[in-house]
Amino acid sequence: LIRLNYGDDILASLQQFVADRQIHNAVFLNAF
C-alpha cells in the first residue's frame, strides 16, 4: 500500500518507488 501526499506527482512517485524497491513485475489493484 502506497500513500502519496499533497503535491506529489503520481507517475514520478511510482517510478521512484518501483526503482527503489527493485520491483520487476506487479499489478495495480486499485487506487483512490
Full PDB file with SEQRES, HELIX, SHEET, SSBOND, CRYST1, ORIGX, SCALE, CONECT and MASTER records, all heavy atoms in Angstrom:
SEQRES   1 A   32  LEU ILE ARG LEU ASN TYR GLY ASP ASP ILE LEU ALA SER          
SEQRES   2 A   32  LEU GLN GLN PHE VAL ALA ASP ARG GLN ILE HIS ASN ALA          
SEQRES   3 A   32  VAL PHE LEU ASN ALA PHE                                      
HELIX    1 AA1 ILE A   10  ARG A   21  1                                  12    
CRYST1    1.000    1.000    1.000  90.00  90.00  90.00 P 1           1          
ORIGX1      1.000000  0.000000  0.000000        0.00000                         
ORIGX2      0.000000  1.000000  0.000000        0.00000                         
ORIGX3      0.000000  0.000000  1.000000        0.00000                         
SCALE1      1.000000  0.000000  0.000000        0.00000                         
SCALE2      0.000000  1.000000  0.000000        0.00000                         
SCALE3      0.000000  0.000000  1.000000        0.00000                         
ATOM      1  N   LEU A   1       0.859  -1.173   0.000  1.00  0.00           N  
ATOM      2  CA  LEU A   1       0.000   0.000   0.000  1.00  0.00           C  
ATOM      3  C   LEU A   1       0.898   1.226   0.000  1.00  0.00           C  
ATOM      4  O   LEU A   1       1.796   1.340   0.839  1.00  0.00           O  
ATOM      5  CB  LEU A   1      -0.910   0.016   1.230  1.00  0.00           C  
ATOM      6  CG  LEU A   1      -2.092  -0.947   1.201  1.00  0.00           C  
ATOM      7  CD1 LEU A   1      -1.647  -2.387   1.167  1.00  0.00           C  
ATOM      8  CD2 LEU A   1      -2.997  -0.689   2.374  1.00  0.00           C  
ATOM      9  N   ILE A   2       0.667   2.106  -0.942  1.00  0.00           N  
ATOM     10  CA  ILE A   2       1.491   3.303  -1.113  1.00  0.00           C  
ATOM     11  C   ILE A   2       0.596   4.513  -0.893  1.00  0.00           C  
ATOM     12  O   ILE A   2      -0.476   4.605  -1.496  1.00  0.00           O  
ATOM     13  CB  ILE A   2       2.086   3.345  -2.533  1.00  0.00           C  
ATOM     14  CG1 ILE A   2       2.880   2.073  -2.817  1.00  0.00           C  
ATOM     15  CG2 ILE A   2       2.934   4.593  -2.735  1.00  0.00           C  
ATOM     16  CD1 ILE A   2       3.142   1.823  -4.285  1.00  0.00           C  
ATOM     17  N   ARG A   3       1.034   5.436  -0.048  1.00  0.00           N  
ATOM     18  CA  ARG A   3       0.271   6.675   0.172  1.00  0.00           C  
ATOM     19  C   ARG A   3       1.109   7.849  -0.283  1.00  0.00           C  
ATOM     20  O   ARG A   3       2.227   8.064   0.186  1.00  0.00           O  
ATOM     21  CB  ARG A   3      -0.088   6.871   1.639  1.00  0.00           C  
ATOM     22  CG  ARG A   3      -0.993   8.098   1.846  1.00  0.00           C  
ATOM     23  CD  ARG A   3      -1.292   8.300   3.327  1.00  0.00           C  
ATOM     24  NE  ARG A   3      -2.321   9.278   3.562  1.00  0.00           N  
ATOM     25  CZ  ARG A   3      -2.115  10.605   3.636  1.00  0.00           C  
ATOM     26  NH1 ARG A   3      -0.909  11.107   3.464  1.00  0.00           N  
ATOM     27  NH2 ARG A   3      -3.132  11.430   3.885  1.00  0.00           N  
ATOM     28  N   LEU A   4       0.549   8.622  -1.205  1.00  0.00           N  
ATOM     29  CA  LEU A   4       1.196   9.841  -1.693  1.00  0.00           C  
ATOM     30  C   LEU A   4       0.522  11.042  -1.057  1.00  0.00           C  
ATOM     31  O   LEU A   4      -0.653  10.987  -0.684  1.00  0.00           O  
ATOM     32  CB  LEU A   4       1.101   9.923  -3.213  1.00  0.00           C  
ATOM     33  CG  LEU A   4       1.665   8.708  -3.980  1.00  0.00           C  
ATOM     34  CD1 LEU A   4       1.488   8.898  -5.471  1.00  0.00           C  
ATOM     35  CD2 LEU A   4       3.110   8.459  -3.615  1.00  0.00           C  
ATOM     36  N   ASN A   5       1.264  12.130  -0.945  1.00  0.00           N  
ATOM     37  CA  ASN A   5       0.795  13.325  -0.254  1.00  0.00           C  
ATOM     38  C   ASN A   5       0.593  14.493  -1.211  1.00  0.00           C  
ATOM     39  O   ASN A   5       1.000  14.453  -2.373  1.00  0.00           O  
ATOM     40  CB  ASN A   5       1.805  13.714   0.830  1.00  0.00           C  
ATOM     41  CG  ASN A   5       1.929  12.646   1.876  1.00  0.00           C  
ATOM     42  OD1 ASN A   5       0.938  12.189   2.429  1.00  0.00           O  
ATOM     43  ND2 ASN A   5       3.156  12.221   2.142  1.00  0.00           N  
ATOM     44  N   TYR A   6       0.007  15.557  -0.675  1.00  0.00           N  
ATOM     45  CA  TYR A   6      -0.271  16.776  -1.434  1.00  0.00           C  
ATOM     46  C   TYR A   6       0.942  17.191  -2.273  1.00  0.00           C  
ATOM     47  O   TYR A   6       2.062  17.272  -1.766  1.00  0.00           O  
ATOM     48  CB  TYR A   6      -0.643  17.913  -0.476  1.00  0.00           C  
ATOM     49  CG  TYR A   6      -0.819  19.239  -1.183  1.00  0.00           C  
ATOM     50  CD1 TYR A   6      -2.002  19.512  -1.867  1.00  0.00           C  
ATOM     51  CD2 TYR A   6       0.192  20.186  -1.196  1.00  0.00           C  
ATOM     52  CE1 TYR A   6      -2.172  20.718  -2.529  1.00  0.00           C  
ATOM     53  CE2 TYR A   6       0.029  21.392  -1.861  1.00  0.00           C  
ATOM     54  CZ  TYR A   6      -1.151  21.645  -2.528  1.00  0.00           C  
ATOM     55  OH  TYR A   6      -1.305  22.826  -3.203  1.00  0.00           O  
ATOM     56  N   GLY A   7       0.696  17.435  -3.549  1.00  0.00           N  
ATOM     57  CA  GLY A   7       1.730  17.934  -4.446  1.00  0.00           C  
ATOM     58  C   GLY A   7       2.574  16.871  -5.122  1.00  0.00           C  
ATOM     59  O   GLY A   7       3.278  17.158  -6.083  1.00  0.00           O  
ATOM     60  N   ASP A   8       2.521  15.621  -4.627  1.00  0.00           N  
ATOM     61  CA  ASP A   8       3.311  14.560  -5.255  1.00  0.00           C  
ATOM     62  C   ASP A   8       2.818  14.305  -6.675  1.00  0.00           C  
ATOM     63  O   ASP A   8       1.611  14.315  -6.946  1.00  0.00           O  
ATOM     64  CB  ASP A   8       3.201  13.251  -4.468  1.00  0.00           C  
ATOM     65  CG  ASP A   8       3.949  13.272  -3.144  1.00  0.00           C  
ATOM     66  OD1 ASP A   8       4.800  14.164  -2.947  1.00  0.00           O  
ATOM     67  OD2 ASP A   8       3.669  12.393  -2.305  1.00  0.00           O  
ATOM     68  N   ASP A   9       3.744  14.054  -7.580  1.00  0.00           N  
ATOM     69  CA  ASP A   9       3.414  13.627  -8.940  1.00  0.00           C  
ATOM     70  C   ASP A   9       3.225  12.110  -8.884  1.00  0.00           C  
ATOM     71  O   ASP A   9       4.148  11.380  -8.490  1.00  0.00           O  
ATOM     72  CB  ASP A   9       4.539  13.998  -9.902  1.00  0.00           C  
ATOM     73  CG  ASP A   9       4.222  13.626 -11.332  1.00  0.00           C  
ATOM     74  OD1 ASP A   9       4.183  12.412 -11.638  1.00  0.00           O  
ATOM     75  OD2 ASP A   9       4.023  14.536 -12.149  1.00  0.00           O  
ATOM     76  N   ILE A  10       2.061  11.635  -9.274  1.00  0.00           N  
ATOM     77  CA  ILE A  10       1.746  10.214  -9.111  1.00  0.00           C  
ATOM     78  C   ILE A  10       2.699   9.339  -9.907  1.00  0.00           C  
ATOM     79  O   ILE A  10       3.282   8.390  -9.370  1.00  0.00           O  
ATOM     80  CB  ILE A  10       0.276   9.927  -9.480  1.00  0.00           C  
ATOM     81  CG1 ILE A  10      -0.663  10.675  -8.524  1.00  0.00           C  
ATOM     82  CG2 ILE A  10      -0.001   8.424  -9.458  1.00  0.00           C  
ATOM     83  CD1 ILE A  10      -2.128  10.616  -8.906  1.00  0.00           C  
ATOM     84  N   LEU A  11       2.893   9.620 -11.190  1.00  0.00           N  
ATOM     85  CA  LEU A  11       3.755   8.774 -12.013  1.00  0.00           C  
ATOM     86  C   LEU A  11       5.201   8.814 -11.543  1.00  0.00           C  
ATOM     87  O   LEU A  11       5.837   7.764 -11.390  1.00  0.00           O  
ATOM     88  CB  LEU A  11       3.660   9.172 -13.485  1.00  0.00           C  
ATOM     89  CG  LEU A  11       4.488   8.328 -14.454  1.00  0.00           C  
ATOM     90  CD1 LEU A  11       4.131   6.842 -14.353  1.00  0.00           C  
ATOM     91  CD2 LEU A  11       4.315   8.835 -15.879  1.00  0.00           C  
ATOM     92  N   ALA A  12       5.736   9.994 -11.299  1.00  0.00           N  
ATOM     93  CA  ALA A  12       7.129  10.101 -10.836  1.00  0.00           C  
ATOM     94  C   ALA A  12       7.324   9.372  -9.510  1.00  0.00           C  
ATOM     95  O   ALA A  12       8.339   8.688  -9.313  1.00  0.00           O  
ATOM     96  CB  ALA A  12       7.530  11.568 -10.705  1.00  0.00           C  
ATOM     97  N   SER A  13       6.356   9.483  -8.608  1.00  0.00           N  
ATOM     98  CA  SER A  13       6.451   8.804  -7.315  1.00  0.00           C  
ATOM     99  C   SER A  13       6.445   7.293  -7.490  1.00  0.00           C  
ATOM    100  O   SER A  13       7.223   6.574  -6.846  1.00  0.00           O  
ATOM    101  CB  SER A  13       5.299   9.226  -6.409  1.00  0.00           C  
ATOM    102  OG  SER A  13       5.361  10.601  -6.124  1.00  0.00           O  
ATOM    103  N   LEU A  14       5.577   6.795  -8.356  1.00  0.00           N  
ATOM    104  CA  LEU A  14       5.522   5.358  -8.598  1.00  0.00           C  
ATOM    105  C   LEU A  14       6.799   4.856  -9.265  1.00  0.00           C  
ATOM    106  O   LEU A  14       7.311   3.786  -8.917  1.00  0.00           O  
ATOM    107  CB  LEU A  14       4.299   5.005  -9.445  1.00  0.00           C  
ATOM    108  CG  LEU A  14       2.963   5.141  -8.738  1.00  0.00           C  
ATOM    109  CD1 LEU A  14       1.819   4.972  -9.724  1.00  0.00           C  
ATOM    110  CD2 LEU A  14       2.854   4.135  -7.598  1.00  0.00           C  
ATOM    111  N   GLN A  15       7.320   5.610 -10.224  1.00  0.00           N  
ATOM    112  CA  GLN A  15       8.567   5.211 -10.880  1.00  0.00           C  
ATOM    113  C   GLN A  15       9.704   5.143  -9.875  1.00  0.00           C  
ATOM    114  O   GLN A  15      10.512   4.203  -9.898  1.00  0.00           O  
ATOM    115  CB  GLN A  15       8.902   6.180 -12.014  1.00  0.00           C  
ATOM    116  CG  GLN A  15       7.969   6.047 -13.194  1.00  0.00           C  
ATOM    117  CD  GLN A  15       8.114   7.170 -14.203  1.00  0.00           C  
ATOM    118  OE1 GLN A  15       8.453   8.307 -13.865  1.00  0.00           O  
ATOM    119  NE2 GLN A  15       7.833   6.863 -15.454  1.00  0.00           N  
ATOM    120  N   GLN A  16       9.777   6.109  -8.984  1.00  0.00           N  
ATOM    121  CA  GLN A  16      10.825   6.114  -7.966  1.00  0.00           C  
ATOM    122  C   GLN A  16      10.656   4.948  -7.003  1.00  0.00           C  
ATOM    123  O   GLN A  16      11.626   4.277  -6.644  1.00  0.00           O  
ATOM    124  CB  GLN A  16      10.820   7.436  -7.197  1.00  0.00           C  
ATOM    125  CG  GLN A  16      11.972   7.580  -6.229  1.00  0.00           C  
ATOM    126  CD  GLN A  16      13.313   7.635  -6.936  1.00  0.00           C  
ATOM    127  OE1 GLN A  16      13.511   8.455  -7.821  1.00  0.00           O  
ATOM    128  NE2 GLN A  16      14.232   6.756  -6.570  1.00  0.00           N  
ATOM    129  N   PHE A  17       9.422   4.693  -6.586  1.00  0.00           N  
ATOM    130  CA  PHE A  17       9.144   3.592  -5.667  1.00  0.00           C  
ATOM    131  C   PHE A  17       9.552   2.252  -6.287  1.00  0.00           C  
ATOM    132  O   PHE A  17      10.217   1.431  -5.659  1.00  0.00           O  
ATOM    133  CB  PHE A  17       7.660   3.577  -5.285  1.00  0.00           C  
ATOM    134  CG  PHE A  17       7.299   2.471  -4.351  1.00  0.00           C  
ATOM    135  CD1 PHE A  17       7.515   2.591  -2.994  1.00  0.00           C  
ATOM    136  CD2 PHE A  17       6.753   1.290  -4.836  1.00  0.00           C  
ATOM    137  CE1 PHE A  17       7.200   1.559  -2.121  1.00  0.00           C  
ATOM    138  CE2 PHE A  17       6.436   0.251  -3.976  1.00  0.00           C  
ATOM    139  CZ  PHE A  17       6.652   0.384  -2.618  1.00  0.00           C  
ATOM    140  N   VAL A  18       9.161   2.024  -7.534  1.00  0.00           N  
ATOM    141  CA  VAL A  18       9.474   0.778  -8.232  1.00  0.00           C  
ATOM    142  C   VAL A  18      10.989   0.610  -8.372  1.00  0.00           C  
ATOM    143  O   VAL A  18      11.520  -0.479  -8.159  1.00  0.00           O  
ATOM    144  CB  VAL A  18       8.763   0.746  -9.604  1.00  0.00           C  
ATOM    145  CG1 VAL A  18       9.334  -0.321 -10.520  1.00  0.00           C  
ATOM    146  CG2 VAL A  18       7.262   0.544  -9.401  1.00  0.00           C  
ATOM    147  N   ALA A  19      11.688   1.683  -8.704  1.00  0.00           N  
ATOM    148  CA  ALA A  19      13.148   1.621  -8.826  1.00  0.00           C  
ATOM    149  C   ALA A  19      13.804   1.350  -7.485  1.00  0.00           C  
ATOM    150  O   ALA A  19      14.683   0.479  -7.383  1.00  0.00           O  
ATOM    151  CB  ALA A  19      13.682   2.913  -9.429  1.00  0.00           C  
ATOM    152  N   ASP A  20      13.379   2.070  -6.448  1.00  0.00           N  
ATOM    153  CA  ASP A  20      13.968   1.897  -5.117  1.00  0.00           C  
ATOM    154  C   ASP A  20      13.761   0.480  -4.583  1.00  0.00           C  
ATOM    155  O   ASP A  20      14.652  -0.078  -3.950  1.00  0.00           O  
ATOM    156  CB  ASP A  20      13.382   2.894  -4.118  1.00  0.00           C  
ATOM    157  CG  ASP A  20      13.823   4.326  -4.372  1.00  0.00           C  
ATOM    158  OD1 ASP A  20      14.746   4.539  -5.189  1.00  0.00           O  
ATOM    159  OD2 ASP A  20      13.231   5.224  -3.740  1.00  0.00           O  
ATOM    160  N   ARG A  21      12.579  -0.070  -4.814  1.00  0.00           N  
ATOM    161  CA  ARG A  21      12.256  -1.411  -4.304  1.00  0.00           C  
ATOM    162  C   ARG A  21      12.654  -2.517  -5.274  1.00  0.00           C  
ATOM    163  O   ARG A  21      12.458  -3.685  -4.992  1.00  0.00           O  
ATOM    164  CB  ARG A  21      10.757  -1.509  -4.016  1.00  0.00           C  
ATOM    165  CG  ARG A  21      10.259  -0.622  -2.887  1.00  0.00           C  
ATOM    166  CD  ARG A  21      10.523  -1.167  -1.497  1.00  0.00           C  
ATOM    167  NE  ARG A  21       9.818  -2.391  -1.210  1.00  0.00           N  
ATOM    168  CZ  ARG A  21       8.673  -2.489  -0.566  1.00  0.00           C  
ATOM    169  NH1 ARG A  21       8.076  -1.403  -0.114  1.00  0.00           N  
ATOM    170  NH2 ARG A  21       8.109  -3.656  -0.379  1.00  0.00           N  
ATOM    171  N   GLN A  22      13.170  -2.143  -6.444  1.00  0.00           N  
ATOM    172  CA  GLN A  22      13.582  -3.092  -7.484  1.00  0.00           C  
ATOM    173  C   GLN A  22      12.449  -4.064  -7.831  1.00  0.00           C  
ATOM    174  O   GLN A  22      12.632  -5.275  -7.892  1.00  0.00           O  
ATOM    175  CB  GLN A  22      14.839  -3.839  -7.069  1.00  0.00           C  
ATOM    176  CG  GLN A  22      16.017  -2.915  -6.857  1.00  0.00           C  
ATOM    177  CD  GLN A  22      17.284  -3.641  -6.435  1.00  0.00           C  
ATOM    178  OE1 GLN A  22      17.278  -4.817  -6.084  1.00  0.00           O  
ATOM    179  NE2 GLN A  22      18.385  -2.917  -6.482  1.00  0.00           N  
ATOM    180  N   ILE A  23      11.277  -3.484  -8.076  1.00  0.00           N  
ATOM    181  CA  ILE A  23      10.103  -4.282  -8.441  1.00  0.00           C  
ATOM    182  C   ILE A  23      10.133  -4.508  -9.946  1.00  0.00           C  
ATOM    183  O   ILE A  23      10.208  -3.563 -10.726  1.00  0.00           O  
ATOM    184  CB  ILE A  23       8.810  -3.574  -8.003  1.00  0.00           C  
ATOM    185  CG1 ILE A  23       8.782  -3.487  -6.467  1.00  0.00           C  
ATOM    186  CG2 ILE A  23       7.586  -4.294  -8.549  1.00  0.00           C  
ATOM    187  CD1 ILE A  23       7.655  -2.656  -5.910  1.00  0.00           C  
ATOM    188  N   HIS A  24      10.080  -5.779 -10.333  1.00  0.00           N  
ATOM    189  CA  HIS A  24      10.162  -6.134 -11.745  1.00  0.00           C  
ATOM    190  C   HIS A  24       8.772  -6.270 -12.378  1.00  0.00           C  
ATOM    191  O   HIS A  24       8.514  -5.730 -13.442  1.00  0.00           O  
ATOM    192  CB  HIS A  24      10.968  -7.427 -11.904  1.00  0.00           C  
ATOM    193  CG  HIS A  24      11.335  -7.741 -13.300  1.00  0.00           C  
ATOM    194  ND1 HIS A  24      12.203  -6.975 -14.041  1.00  0.00           N  
ATOM    195  CD2 HIS A  24      10.931  -8.743 -14.117  1.00  0.00           C  
ATOM    196  CE1 HIS A  24      12.326  -7.490 -15.246  1.00  0.00           C  
ATOM    197  NE2 HIS A  24      11.561  -8.561 -15.319  1.00  0.00           N  
ATOM    198  N   ASN A  25       7.885  -7.005 -11.718  1.00  0.00           N  
ATOM    199  CA  ASN A  25       6.537  -7.231 -12.240  1.00  0.00           C  
ATOM    200  C   ASN A  25       5.517  -7.038 -11.119  1.00  0.00           C  
ATOM    201  O   ASN A  25       5.703  -7.554 -10.018  1.00  0.00           O  
ATOM    202  CB  ASN A  25       6.388  -8.657 -12.786  1.00  0.00           C  
ATOM    203  CG  ASN A  25       7.292  -8.928 -13.969  1.00  0.00           C  
ATOM    204  OD1 ASN A  25       7.444  -8.091 -14.845  1.00  0.00           O  
ATOM    205  ND2 ASN A  25       7.891 -10.104 -13.992  1.00  0.00           N  
ATOM    206  N   ALA A  26       4.454  -6.313 -11.428  1.00  0.00           N  
ATOM    207  CA  ALA A  26       3.404  -6.072 -10.440  1.00  0.00           C  
ATOM    208  C   ALA A  26       2.128  -5.653 -11.161  1.00  0.00           C  
ATOM    209  O   ALA A  26       2.149  -5.330 -12.355  1.00  0.00           O  
ATOM    210  CB  ALA A  26       3.837  -4.978  -9.458  1.00  0.00           C  
ATOM    211  N   VAL A  27       1.031  -5.674 -10.421  1.00  0.00           N  
ATOM    212  CA  VAL A  27      -0.239  -5.190 -10.951  1.00  0.00           C  
ATOM    213  C   VAL A  27      -0.799  -4.137 -10.010  1.00  0.00           C  
ATOM    214  O   VAL A  27      -0.670  -4.240  -8.788  1.00  0.00           O  
ATOM    215  CB  VAL A  27      -1.280  -6.317 -11.149  1.00  0.00           C  
ATOM    216  CG1 VAL A  27      -0.816  -7.293 -12.205  1.00  0.00           C  
ATOM    217  CG2 VAL A  27      -1.569  -7.048  -9.859  1.00  0.00           C  
ATOM    218  N   PHE A  28      -1.387  -3.095 -10.588  1.00  0.00           N  
ATOM    219  CA  PHE A  28      -2.100  -2.113  -9.781  1.00  0.00           C  
ATOM    220  C   PHE A  28      -3.461  -2.704  -9.484  1.00  0.00           C  
ATOM    221  O   PHE A  28      -4.224  -3.028 -10.387  1.00  0.00           O  
ATOM    222  CB  PHE A  28      -2.242  -0.775 -10.516  1.00  0.00           C  
ATOM    223  CG  PHE A  28      -0.938  -0.055 -10.664  1.00  0.00           C  
ATOM    224  CD1 PHE A  28      -0.341   0.074 -11.904  1.00  0.00           C  
ATOM    225  CD2 PHE A  28      -0.292   0.474  -9.559  1.00  0.00           C  
ATOM    226  CE1 PHE A  28       0.871   0.725 -12.040  1.00  0.00           C  
ATOM    227  CE2 PHE A  28       0.918   1.118  -9.677  1.00  0.00           C  
ATOM    228  CZ  PHE A  28       1.503   1.244 -10.926  1.00  0.00           C  
ATOM    229  N   LEU A  29      -3.770  -2.855  -8.211  1.00  0.00           N  
ATOM    230  CA  LEU A  29      -5.032  -3.450  -7.811  1.00  0.00           C  
ATOM    231  C   LEU A  29      -6.140  -2.410  -7.756  1.00  0.00           C  
ATOM    232  O   LEU A  29      -7.289  -2.715  -8.067  1.00  0.00           O  
ATOM    233  CB  LEU A  29      -4.876  -4.146  -6.461  1.00  0.00           C  
ATOM    234  CG  LEU A  29      -3.794  -5.234  -6.436  1.00  0.00           C  
ATOM    235  CD1 LEU A  29      -3.573  -5.742  -5.019  1.00  0.00           C  
ATOM    236  CD2 LEU A  29      -4.160  -6.364  -7.387  1.00  0.00           C  
ATOM    237  N   ASN A  30      -5.800  -1.186  -7.368  1.00  0.00           N  
ATOM    238  CA  ASN A  30      -6.747  -0.081  -7.357  1.00  0.00           C  
ATOM    239  C   ASN A  30      -6.081   1.125  -6.710  1.00  0.00           C  
ATOM    240  O   ASN A  30      -4.931   1.043  -6.261  1.00  0.00           O  
ATOM    241  CB  ASN A  30      -8.042  -0.424  -6.640  1.00  0.00           C  
ATOM    242  CG  ASN A  30      -9.228   0.298  -7.253  1.00  0.00           C  
ATOM    243  OD1 ASN A  30      -9.069   1.303  -7.946  1.00  0.00           O  
ATOM    244  ND2 ASN A  30     -10.420  -0.214  -7.002  1.00  0.00           N  
ATOM    245  N   ALA A  31      -6.805   2.216  -6.657  1.00  0.00           N  
ATOM    246  CA  ALA A  31      -6.317   3.439  -6.027  1.00  0.00           C  
ATOM    247  C   ALA A  31      -7.512   4.334  -5.717  1.00  0.00           C  
ATOM    248  O   ALA A  31      -8.590   4.177  -6.296  1.00  0.00           O  
ATOM    249  CB  ALA A  31      -5.343   4.175  -6.938  1.00  0.00           C  
ATOM    250  N   PHE A  32      -7.294   5.274  -4.806  1.00  0.00           N  
ATOM    251  CA  PHE A  32      -8.300   6.299  -4.528  1.00  0.00           C  
ATOM    252  C   PHE A  32      -7.588   7.516  -3.974  1.00  0.00           C  
ATOM    253  O   PHE A  32      -6.443   7.451  -3.555  1.00  0.00           O  
ATOM    254  CB  PHE A  32      -9.386   5.792  -3.563  1.00  0.00           C  
ATOM    255  CG  PHE A  32      -8.885   5.445  -2.185  1.00  0.00           C  
ATOM    256  CD1 PHE A  32      -8.937   6.383  -1.161  1.00  0.00           C  
ATOM    257  CD2 PHE A  32      -8.369   4.192  -1.909  1.00  0.00           C  
ATOM    258  CE1 PHE A  32      -8.482   6.058   0.119  1.00  0.00           C  
ATOM    259  CE2 PHE A  32      -7.918   3.862  -0.638  1.00  0.00           C  
ATOM    260  CZ  PHE A  32      -7.974   4.797   0.377  1.00  0.00           C  
TER     261      PHE A  32                                                      
MASTER        0    0    0    1    0    0    0    6  260    1    0    3          
END                                                                             
